[in-house]
Amino acid sequence: MRTLSFLEPGHFHAALTLGARHPRVRDEIVVYAHPGAELDDFLELVEAFNSRADAPTAWRPLVRASDEPLERLIADRPGDVVILAGRNDRKMAMMRRLHDAGLHVLADKPWLAGAARFEDLSHVLAAGPLVVEMMTGRYDVTSILARKLVGEPEVLGDLDTRSGAPTIEISGVHHLEKAVNGKPLRRPPWYFDVRVQGDGLADIPTHMIDQVQRVIATARPDRPAPPLELVSARTWTTRVPRELFSRVTGSPEFPDDLREVVQGDGLAYRSNAELSLRGGDVSAALDTRWELSVPTGGGDTHRSTIRGTQAHVVVEQHAGTGFRRTLSIVPRREEGQVWAALAKVIAEWQGDYPGLDLVERGQGCEMRVPRALDVGHERHFPLMLADFLSLVDRGVPPARLNADTLAKYTLLARASAEAQRST
């Protein structure tokens, strides 16, 4: 049995790892943090998991609040696994200290708020205890099935690099004011400070580039993956009214740290980004935007298109899908061959994904995923924790994963520099 330690859990992703009990994790968890609202919000969400009617957890937080939580955690060492999700500007330095103390770290993305601390990044990924990034996108069932389809040449063909359109295109809209575990989410005021949180290139693009890397590796397993190169990057702002800022943070006024981006009665939050990439002959276009509040009955939106020479694989989430992710296959040629290949893979995948079905939709078809397999974003965090603990148990460093992580943040640092030059 393992004891989990939590260091400065200033982002709600820290608590979401505790959304389900784990058979190899003790119910007593140890929390090291400065006293204050961020710690209180973490404990409140953990208690909500404990007190819910459906599959309640039984976590017993042991809180060790202090002015030097990192030093105290290293001195106490209640276990060998640390969960880190909070301020991004200091995250990399904390990760190095924990790594050098012999502790395994599961750290929320993004690891870098800017281009600094690359020496620390290379250091923690080189050898020693495991340091792994929280990447919940790898656990979404539609994304998993989309990548599996990419690995079926009789369905996709090869990646389409000649049509003039991006081979891989991903876009999404997120919201600053939202609910988590059925309750309004409170964000710390520093979340709106790009020097701390990072700008639009720092956060969601980590997921998008991760997907691009995996799609290319899946589609061409017999070829060395070419390094992704930056073609262009830009960022722009979302105006955050004072009223919304107050509702989301609980702070009645903009703090002094943000005065440089206050414009009248609003805040210019540089949260949006576009990226154009190329890996060999494969092109990718990425677009991430933040809007203010989730509309009534609405949610975040997502669209990814992987263009193949025989078919396109499309994942969508928007009002037309009921804000659930759907997976579609659109044949571009050899329709009979594509349909036959799809019928074959559906039959082969029933053991792992029982109930998968194909339904005609427009010019293609939708791969219907039973709700039992589509657990939702918040439930991906406990799955991710379980996989991380399995890696720790095996003691095998994920070499390919480490190389991709280093390449991803190197690319994002270049994109950040490019966006600043063009601003």
Protein backbone atom coordinates (compact mmCIF):
# COMPACT_ATOMS: atom_id res chain seq x y z
CA MET A 1 0.00 0.00 0.00
CA ARG A 2 1.22 3.47 -0.90
CA THR A 3 0.72 6.78 0.88
CA LEU A 4 0.12 9.70 -1.46
CA SER A 5 1.53 13.14 -0.71
CA PHE A 6 0.06 16.31 -2.22
CA LEU A 7 2.21 19.41 -2.55
CA GLU A 8 0.60 22.86 -2.90
CA PRO A 9 -2.63 21.56 -4.52
CA GLY A 10 -3.64 24.93 -5.98
CA HIS A 11 -5.33 23.46 -9.07
CA PHE A 12 -8.45 21.30 -8.87
CA HIS A 13 -6.75 18.58 -10.94
CA ALA A 14 -4.91 17.54 -7.78
CA ALA A 15 -8.15 16.61 -6.05
CA LEU A 16 -9.61 14.93 -9.15
CA THR A 17 -6.95 12.19 -8.90
CA LEU A 18 -8.86 11.16 -5.75
CA GLY A 19 -12.20 10.82 -7.53
CA ALA A 20 -12.15 7.05 -6.93
CA ARG A 21 -10.52 4.75 -4.39
CA HIS A 22 -7.42 2.81 -5.41
CA PRO A 23 -6.77 -0.68 -3.99
CA ARG A 24 -3.03 0.00 -3.56
CA VAL A 25 -3.39 3.45 -1.99
CA ARG A 26 -3.97 4.12 1.71
CA ASP A 27 -7.01 6.18 2.57
CA GLU A 28 -4.80 8.50 4.60
CA ILE A 29 -3.23 11.12 2.34
CA VAL A 30 -0.74 13.77 3.44
CA VAL A 31 -1.14 17.36 2.23
CA TYR A 32 1.69 19.89 2.35
CA ALA A 33 0.66 23.44 1.54
CA HIS A 34 0.58 27.02 2.66
CA PRO A 35 -2.58 27.71 4.69
CA GLY A 36 -5.28 29.56 2.80
CA ALA A 37 -8.07 29.35 0.25
CA GLU A 38 -6.28 26.98 -2.17
CA LEU A 39 -5.77 24.38 0.53
CA ASP A 40 -9.37 24.84 1.74
CA ASP A 41 -10.74 24.35 -1.80
CA PHE A 42 -8.72 21.14 -2.21
CA LEU A 43 -10.01 19.72 1.07
CA GLU A 44 -13.58 20.72 0.24
CA LEU A 45 -13.48 18.83 -3.06
CA VAL A 46 -11.95 15.75 -1.39
CA GLU A 47 -14.71 15.83 1.22
CA ALA A 48 -17.30 16.08 -1.56
CA PHE A 49 -15.97 12.80 -2.97
CA ASN A 50 -16.19 11.24 0.51
CA SER A 51 -19.77 12.37 1.11
CA ARG A 52 -21.36 11.70 -2.27
CA ALA A 53 -24.12 9.09 -2.47
CA ASP A 54 -22.68 7.22 -5.46
CA ALA A 55 -19.44 5.27 -4.78
CA PRO A 56 -18.16 7.52 -1.97
CA THR A 57 -14.47 7.60 -1.21
CA ALA A 58 -12.97 7.48 2.29
CA TRP A 59 -9.93 9.74 2.11
CA ARG A 60 -8.48 10.96 5.40
CA PRO A 61 -6.36 14.04 4.70
CA LEU A 62 -3.52 14.67 7.13
CA VAL A 63 -2.80 18.37 6.64
CA ARG A 64 0.66 19.73 7.33
CA ALA A 65 0.30 23.42 6.59
CA SER A 66 3.44 25.51 6.83
CA ASP A 67 5.39 28.34 5.23
CA GLU A 68 7.83 25.82 3.71
CA PRO A 69 5.70 22.90 2.51
CA LEU A 70 8.27 21.56 0.03
CA GLU A 71 11.02 21.39 2.65
CA ARG A 72 8.71 19.74 5.16
CA LEU A 73 7.52 17.12 2.66
CA ILE A 74 11.09 16.17 1.80
CA ALA A 75 12.02 15.99 5.48
CA ASP A 76 8.93 13.95 6.47
CA ARG A 77 8.84 11.69 3.39
CA PRO A 78 5.57 9.91 4.28
CA GLY A 79 5.71 7.96 0.99
CA ASP A 80 7.53 7.91 -2.32
CA VAL A 81 4.79 9.38 -4.57
CA VAL A 82 3.89 13.07 -4.82
CA ILE A 83 0.98 14.65 -6.71
CA LEU A 84 1.71 18.19 -7.89
CA ALA A 85 -0.90 20.51 -9.43
CA GLY A 86 -0.72 24.22 -8.78
CA ARG A 87 1.22 27.31 -9.80
CA ASN A 88 3.12 26.67 -13.02
CA ASP A 89 5.87 29.26 -12.56
CA ARG A 90 7.44 27.33 -9.66
CA LYS A 91 6.40 23.81 -10.66
CA MET A 92 9.59 22.82 -12.49
CA ALA A 93 11.85 23.85 -9.60
CA MET A 94 9.68 21.83 -7.18
CA MET A 95 9.78 18.82 -9.49
CA ARG A 96 13.58 18.87 -9.56
CA ARG A 97 13.82 19.08 -5.77
CA LEU A 98 11.38 16.18 -5.36
CA HIS A 99 13.13 14.13 -8.05
CA ASP A 100 16.55 14.69 -6.47
CA ALA A 101 15.09 13.63 -3.11
CA GLY A 102 14.20 10.26 -4.67
CA LEU A 103 10.45 10.86 -4.97
CA HIS A 104 8.23 9.90 -7.90
CA VAL A 105 6.10 12.79 -9.18
CA LEU A 106 2.84 12.91 -11.08
CA ALA A 107 2.68 16.57 -12.14
CA ASP A 108 -0.16 18.40 -13.82
CA LYS A 109 0.47 20.14 -17.11
CA PRO A 110 1.80 22.56 -18.09
CA TRP A 111 5.22 22.08 -16.54
CA LEU A 112 6.54 25.40 -17.83
CA ALA A 113 4.89 28.81 -17.85
CA GLY A 114 7.53 30.14 -20.26
CA ALA A 115 10.89 29.23 -21.71
CA ALA A 116 12.80 29.07 -18.40
CA ARG A 117 14.05 26.03 -16.43
CA PHE A 118 14.89 23.81 -19.41
CA GLU A 119 17.90 22.46 -17.56
CA ASP A 120 15.58 21.22 -14.81
CA LEU A 121 13.22 19.67 -17.37
CA SER A 122 16.02 17.69 -19.03
CA HIS A 123 17.35 16.67 -15.62
CA VAL A 124 14.13 15.14 -14.26
CA LEU A 125 13.47 13.26 -17.51
CA ALA A 126 16.99 11.83 -17.84
CA ALA A 127 17.11 9.19 -15.11
CA GLY A 128 16.06 8.35 -11.57
CA PRO A 129 12.59 8.46 -10.02
CA LEU A 130 9.67 8.76 -12.43
CA VAL A 131 8.33 12.20 -13.29
CA VAL A 132 5.20 11.88 -15.45
CA GLU A 133 2.83 14.47 -16.86
CA MET A 134 -0.91 14.43 -16.23
CA MET A 135 -2.37 13.85 -19.70
CA THR A 136 -6.04 12.93 -19.33
CA GLY A 137 -6.58 13.15 -23.08
CA ARG A 138 -4.93 9.74 -23.38
CA TYR A 139 -7.85 8.22 -21.45
CA ASP A 140 -10.78 9.56 -23.45
CA VAL A 141 -12.31 6.52 -25.13
CA THR A 142 -13.08 8.32 -28.41
CA SER A 143 -9.47 9.51 -28.66
CA ILE A 144 -8.21 5.99 -27.91
CA LEU A 145 -10.43 4.50 -30.60
CA ALA A 146 -9.48 7.24 -33.08
CA ARG A 147 -5.79 6.37 -32.62
CA LYS A 148 -6.59 2.68 -33.01
CA LEU A 149 -8.32 3.46 -36.31
CA VAL A 150 -5.26 5.42 -37.42
CA GLY A 151 -3.31 2.21 -36.88
CA GLU A 152 -5.60 0.34 -39.30
CA PRO A 153 -4.23 1.09 -42.81
CA GLU A 154 -7.20 -0.64 -44.45
CA VAL A 155 -9.40 2.04 -42.85
CA LEU A 156 -7.27 5.18 -42.92
CA GLY A 157 -4.76 4.39 -45.63
CA ASP A 158 -1.69 6.54 -44.94
CA LEU A 159 -1.71 10.01 -43.46
CA ASP A 160 -2.82 12.45 -46.18
CA THR A 161 0.00 14.92 -46.81
CA ARG A 162 -0.96 16.11 -50.32
CA SER A 163 -4.49 17.52 -50.14
CA GLY A 164 -3.39 21.00 -49.06
CA ALA A 165 -5.40 20.78 -45.83
CA PRO A 166 -3.64 20.08 -42.51
CA THR A 167 -3.09 16.36 -41.99
CA ILE A 168 -4.13 16.75 -38.35
CA GLU A 169 -6.43 19.55 -37.24
CA ILE A 170 -7.49 20.08 -33.61
CA SER A 171 -9.56 22.89 -32.11
CA GLY A 172 -11.37 23.43 -28.85
CA VAL A 173 -13.21 25.95 -26.70
CA HIS A 174 -12.97 25.91 -22.89
CA HIS A 175 -14.70 28.08 -20.30
CA LEU A 176 -13.33 30.06 -17.37
CA GLU A 177 -16.52 29.74 -15.32
CA LYS A 178 -17.61 26.12 -15.03
CA ALA A 179 -18.67 23.40 -12.60
CA VAL A 180 -16.54 20.54 -11.26
CA ASN A 181 -18.15 17.63 -9.42
CA GLY A 182 -21.44 19.47 -9.81
CA LYS A 183 -20.33 22.66 -8.01
CA PRO A 184 -19.01 26.01 -9.28
CA LEU A 185 -15.25 25.89 -9.73
CA ARG A 186 -13.18 28.46 -7.86
CA ARG A 187 -9.90 29.43 -9.49
CA PRO A 188 -7.11 31.24 -7.62
CA PRO A 189 -6.47 34.83 -8.77
CA TRP A 190 -3.01 33.85 -10.07
CA TYR A 191 -4.72 31.65 -12.65
CA PHE A 192 -5.27 34.84 -14.67
CA ASP A 193 -1.60 35.90 -14.45
CA VAL A 194 0.19 34.53 -17.53
CA ARG A 195 3.54 34.90 -15.74
CA VAL A 196 2.31 32.28 -13.27
CA GLN A 197 -0.18 30.16 -15.21
CA GLY A 198 1.32 30.64 -18.65
CA ASP A 199 -0.45 32.03 -21.69
CA GLY A 200 -2.66 30.24 -24.21
CA LEU A 201 0.30 28.30 -25.58
CA ALA A 202 1.23 26.84 -22.19
CA ASP A 203 -1.85 24.84 -21.26
CA ILE A 204 -4.26 23.16 -23.71
CA PRO A 205 -1.63 22.84 -26.51
CA THR A 206 0.22 20.33 -24.32
CA HIS A 207 -2.72 17.96 -24.93
CA MET A 208 -2.95 18.82 -28.61
CA ILE A 209 0.74 18.27 -29.35
CA ASP A 210 0.62 15.04 -27.33
CA GLN A 211 -2.16 13.84 -29.64
CA VAL A 212 -0.22 14.84 -32.77
CA GLN A 213 2.82 12.93 -31.55
CA ARG A 214 0.77 9.81 -30.85
CA VAL A 215 -1.16 9.92 -34.12
CA ILE A 216 2.04 10.10 -36.19
CA ALA A 217 3.66 7.29 -34.18
CA THR A 218 0.53 5.11 -34.51
CA ALA A 219 0.05 5.72 -38.23
CA ARG A 220 3.69 5.00 -39.08
CA PRO A 221 5.00 2.54 -36.49
CA ASP A 222 7.75 1.28 -38.81
CA ARG A 223 9.31 4.73 -39.35
CA PRO A 224 11.26 6.95 -36.95
CA ALA A 225 9.01 9.81 -35.90
CA PRO A 226 10.28 13.08 -37.42
CA PRO A 227 10.76 15.96 -34.99
CA LEU A 228 7.88 18.41 -34.92
CA GLU A 229 8.88 21.84 -36.16
CA LEU A 230 7.16 25.16 -35.58
CA VAL A 231 5.71 26.92 -38.62
CA SER A 232 3.84 29.75 -36.86
CA ALA A 233 2.28 30.68 -33.53
CA ARG A 234 0.15 33.46 -32.16
CA THR A 235 -1.76 34.29 -28.98
CA TRP A 236 -4.57 36.74 -28.22
CA THR A 237 -6.71 37.78 -25.28
CA THR A 238 -10.14 37.11 -23.85
CA ARG A 239 -11.66 40.04 -21.96
CA VAL A 240 -12.62 38.96 -18.43
CA PRO A 241 -15.13 41.35 -16.78
CA ARG A 242 -14.58 42.19 -13.13
CA GLU A 243 -17.89 40.57 -12.16
CA LEU A 244 -16.91 37.22 -13.65
CA PHE A 245 -13.41 37.43 -12.17
CA SER A 246 -14.98 37.97 -8.74
CA ARG A 247 -17.40 35.06 -9.13
CA VAL A 248 -14.66 32.69 -10.26
CA THR A 249 -11.95 33.70 -7.77
CA GLY A 250 -13.91 35.06 -4.80
CA SER A 251 -11.77 38.20 -4.99
CA PRO A 252 -13.81 41.44 -5.24
CA GLU A 253 -11.07 43.34 -7.08
CA PHE A 254 -8.28 42.64 -9.52
CA PRO A 255 -5.06 42.14 -7.50
CA ASP A 256 -2.11 44.51 -7.96
CA ASP A 257 -0.15 41.74 -9.69
CA LEU A 258 -2.57 42.01 -12.63
CA ARG A 259 -2.78 45.81 -12.93
CA GLU A 260 -0.69 45.83 -16.15
CA VAL A 261 -3.41 43.91 -18.01
CA VAL A 262 -6.44 45.62 -16.47
CA GLN A 263 -8.31 47.64 -19.08
CA GLY A 264 -11.14 49.63 -17.58
CA ASP A 265 -13.51 47.24 -15.84
CA GLY A 266 -12.02 44.14 -17.43
CA LEU A 267 -8.90 42.04 -17.65
CA ALA A 268 -7.08 41.19 -20.89
CA TYR A 269 -6.32 37.49 -20.36
CA ARG A 270 -3.93 36.13 -23.04
CA SER A 271 -5.46 32.66 -23.00
CA ASN A 272 -6.02 31.86 -26.70
CA ALA A 273 -3.54 30.37 -29.14
CA GLU A 274 -3.05 29.06 -32.67
CA LEU A 275 -0.18 26.82 -33.72
CA SER A 276 0.93 25.50 -37.09
CA LEU A 277 3.37 22.58 -37.01
CA ARG A 278 5.13 20.22 -39.38
CA GLY A 279 6.67 16.83 -38.73
CA GLY A 280 8.35 15.65 -41.91
CA ASP A 281 5.59 15.67 -44.53
CA VAL A 282 2.80 15.78 -41.90
CA SER A 283 1.21 19.15 -41.10
CA ALA A 284 -0.87 20.05 -38.05
CA ALA A 285 -3.06 23.05 -37.20
CA LEU A 286 -4.05 23.62 -33.56
CA ASP A 287 -6.49 26.19 -32.19
CA THR A 288 -7.49 26.66 -28.54
CA ARG A 289 -9.81 29.35 -27.20
CA TRP A 290 -11.22 30.33 -23.81
CA GLU A 291 -14.65 31.86 -23.41
CA LEU A 292 -16.24 33.19 -20.25
CA SER A 293 -19.09 31.02 -18.91
CA VAL A 294 -20.52 27.67 -19.90
CA PRO A 295 -23.92 28.45 -21.48
CA THR A 296 -26.99 26.86 -19.93
CA GLY A 297 -27.10 23.25 -21.03
CA GLY A 298 -23.76 23.68 -22.78
CA GLY A 299 -20.16 22.68 -22.25
CA ASP A 300 -16.68 22.75 -23.69
CA THR A 301 -16.34 21.98 -27.40
CA HIS A 302 -13.75 19.96 -29.31
CA ARG A 303 -13.05 18.87 -32.86
CA SER A 304 -10.16 16.86 -34.21
CA THR A 305 -9.75 15.65 -37.78
CA ILE A 306 -7.13 13.13 -38.87
CA ARG A 307 -6.99 13.03 -42.66
CA GLY A 308 -6.02 9.76 -44.28
CA THR A 309 -5.69 8.85 -47.92
CA GLN A 310 -8.70 6.51 -47.69
CA ALA A 311 -10.75 8.00 -44.83
CA HIS A 312 -10.91 10.84 -42.36
CA VAL A 313 -11.29 10.13 -38.63
CA VAL A 314 -13.22 12.88 -36.84
CA VAL A 315 -13.87 13.42 -33.11
CA GLU A 316 -16.47 16.06 -32.23
CA GLN A 317 -18.03 17.53 -29.09
CA HIS A 318 -20.53 20.38 -29.38
CA ALA A 319 -24.22 21.22 -29.07
CA GLY A 320 -25.08 18.91 -31.97
CA THR A 321 -23.57 15.94 -30.12
CA GLY A 322 -25.17 16.83 -26.79
CA PHE A 323 -21.66 17.85 -25.65
CA ARG A 324 -20.57 14.21 -25.67
CA ARG A 325 -17.62 13.26 -27.84
CA THR A 326 -18.51 11.35 -30.98
CA LEU A 327 -16.23 9.46 -33.36
CA SER A 328 -16.94 9.42 -37.10
CA ILE A 329 -15.25 7.86 -40.11
CA VAL A 330 -15.69 9.51 -43.51
CA PRO A 331 -14.43 7.46 -46.50
CA ARG A 332 -12.66 9.44 -49.21
CA ARG A 333 -12.15 6.55 -51.64
CA GLU A 334 -12.40 2.75 -51.75
CA GLU A 335 -15.65 2.96 -49.77
CA GLY A 336 -16.35 -0.76 -49.95
CA GLN A 337 -12.88 -1.57 -48.61
CA VAL A 338 -13.27 0.97 -45.77
CA TRP A 339 -16.68 -0.41 -44.73
CA ALA A 340 -15.37 -3.98 -44.76
CA ALA A 341 -12.32 -2.99 -42.72
CA LEU A 342 -14.51 -1.16 -40.20
CA ALA A 343 -16.79 -4.16 -39.77
CA LYS A 344 -13.74 -6.31 -39.13
CA VAL A 345 -12.19 -4.06 -36.49
CA ILE A 346 -15.54 -3.57 -34.72
CA ALA A 347 -15.82 -7.34 -34.35
CA GLU A 348 -12.20 -7.66 -33.17
CA TRP A 349 -12.55 -4.89 -30.57
CA GLN A 350 -15.70 -6.21 -28.90
CA GLY A 351 -13.65 -8.01 -26.24
CA ASP A 352 -12.07 -4.78 -25.01
CA TYR A 353 -14.89 -2.42 -26.00
CA PRO A 354 -18.16 -4.38 -25.75
CA GLY A 355 -21.13 -2.79 -27.43
CA LEU A 356 -19.29 -0.76 -30.07
CA ASP A 357 -21.48 -0.25 -33.10
CA LEU A 358 -21.51 1.61 -36.42
CA VAL A 359 -24.36 3.91 -37.45
CA GLU A 360 -24.65 5.67 -40.81
CA ARG A 361 -24.16 9.41 -40.55
CA GLY A 362 -24.11 11.72 -43.56
CA GLN A 363 -21.40 10.63 -45.97
CA GLY A 364 -19.79 8.37 -43.39
CA CYS A 365 -20.65 6.59 -40.18
CA GLU A 366 -20.42 7.14 -36.44
CA MET A 367 -18.74 4.63 -34.17
CA ARG A 368 -21.22 4.53 -31.29
CA VAL A 369 -19.55 4.11 -27.89
CA PRO A 370 -21.75 2.75 -25.07
CA ARG A 371 -22.08 5.14 -22.13
CA ALA A 372 -20.51 2.55 -19.84
CA LEU A 373 -17.23 3.02 -21.72
CA ASP A 374 -17.45 6.82 -21.82
CA VAL A 375 -16.76 7.67 -18.17
CA GLY A 376 -16.24 11.42 -18.61
CA HIS A 377 -13.31 13.76 -18.14
CA GLU A 378 -13.30 13.88 -14.34
CA ARG A 379 -13.08 10.07 -14.10
CA HIS A 380 -9.96 10.05 -16.27
CA PHE A 381 -7.84 11.36 -13.39
CA PRO A 382 -8.11 8.24 -11.16
CA LEU A 383 -7.34 6.09 -14.23
CA MET A 384 -4.26 8.18 -14.89
CA LEU A 385 -3.14 7.84 -11.27
CA ALA A 386 -3.57 4.05 -11.46
CA ASP A 387 -1.39 3.85 -14.58
CA PHE A 388 1.24 6.07 -12.98
CA LEU A 389 1.40 3.84 -9.90
CA SER A 390 1.79 0.80 -12.15
CA LEU A 391 4.78 2.49 -13.79
CA VAL A 392 6.25 3.19 -10.35
CA ASP A 393 5.70 -0.44 -9.32
CA ARG A 394 7.49 -1.70 -12.43
CA GLY A 395 10.29 0.81 -12.00
CA VAL A 396 10.61 1.16 -15.76
CA PRO A 397 11.13 4.73 -16.99
CA PRO A 398 8.95 5.45 -20.05
CA ALA A 399 11.81 6.35 -22.42
CA ARG A 400 9.65 7.23 -25.44
CA LEU A 401 7.28 9.21 -23.23
CA ASN A 402 10.14 11.19 -21.72
CA ALA A 403 11.58 11.99 -25.14
CA ASP A 404 8.19 13.15 -26.42
CA THR A 405 7.62 15.29 -23.32
CA LEU A 406 10.98 17.03 -23.74
CA ALA A 407 10.30 17.59 -27.45
CA LYS A 408 6.84 18.97 -26.72
CA TYR A 409 8.01 21.59 -24.23
CA THR A 410 10.94 22.55 -26.44
CA LEU A 411 8.46 23.21 -29.24
CA LEU A 412 6.11 25.17 -26.98
CA ALA A 413 8.97 27.36 -25.77
CA ARG A 414 9.80 28.22 -29.38
CA ALA A 415 6.13 28.92 -30.05
CA SER A 416 5.95 31.25 -27.04
CA ALA A 417 8.99 33.19 -28.26
CA GLU A 418 7.52 33.39 -31.78
CA ALA A 419 4.14 34.62 -30.49
CA GLN A 420 5.80 37.31 -28.36
CA ARG A 421 7.79 38.58 -31.36
CA SER A 422 4.64 38.87 -33.45
CA THR A 423 2.55 40.61 -30.75
